[in-house]
């Protein structure tokens, strides 16, 4: 029995590597073949380490990065689907509960977290980094919240950080699942710094030598290796006026209509791609995501996570819609990329149907997400995410 436990701990440790240097700790997500998708073991280990290091006076700085070509491509959704297919949606819900608690701990962390985003940053990977104080993008960074294409919604606290992006950029990113590069991450405030990948080893070496938890000191170190990247001609960051005109609309239907009017007035491949992304996504996901982001503007990160947990439990339960399972089938399992959404059209989804996702789950064993008491409440990345273009 003891050997089984030991093997389990070893596997968990292998998925999150730890490097210790003076007062810094570097945590390395280590599932490169799975693009460092967060497994249950990884989330448990990260949560354990973050809590332990916060209480350790010898640790002053945490650096988080990924092994291979991704920082983290998201949560291990295929494992969650497997739980549900085996007849226990609550196992899937428990995974999300633990992940959201990790997001909350990161968002309220007393010590600086520097996330090195040198590669893919999607879904759960955004939750493991954007809530931290410092987010370093590179020319290899690719950010996206692609949940609406999976029949899900932008979670992991995205209703908090997307709603605080400049103007209506958060609605655009959250509804379309658009991919952003490192320059766009910096411009929008998703990243706090841009460092060329060739300089990352020098940056990490400098951080490892620093014996300080002062955010000003840490920021000045990263500044030494940072530069201002150029936005590409097709960048969404150069189309803020169009995004504002369209994504400020009250409903998803109105957003689509506004985009289609823009397309009639001006030939622009970016507008065409945006329309196509919305039309391919789950109509239900689009509607609940828009309301989610709009409500997030007025709430704290804890409130956002509690609400997202209610919604994800409804999704796991599958009573309101089975779009999540269909999206996973079409995109991740069969890979035919042709999901059959139900309902299939936006106009078939009423406000009362959307409202159901925001209510408590009817199950006598279910309860709302319980976030841990935090003595060092720090409202995450407000300064960085409230900048204007």
Foldseek 3Di string as FASTA:
>chain_A
DVVVVVVVVVVLCQQWDWDAFFQEIEIEGEPVVQLSAAELSPLVVLVVVLVVSLPDPRHAEYEQAYPYQFRYAEHPVVVLVVCVVVPHLVVSLVSLLSLLLLLQCQLQGPFAYAYEGRHEQEQSSLSNHLSGAAYEFEQRYKYWHLVLLLVAFRASLLLQQLLLWAALVSLLRGQLRDIDHRLVCCVRLSHVFYAYPVCVVVLVVVVSPDRHRDPVVNVVSRVVRGDRDDDDPLDVSVVVVLSNQQRVDDFPVSSLVSLVVVCVVDPHVSSVSSNVSNLSGALLRSGLRSVLNVVNNPDASVVSNLQSSLLVSCQSVQPLFVSNVQSCCCCPNVVVSRGDGVVNDNVVQDPVSSVVSRDHDPDPVDDTNDHDDDPRGDRGSSVSSNDHD
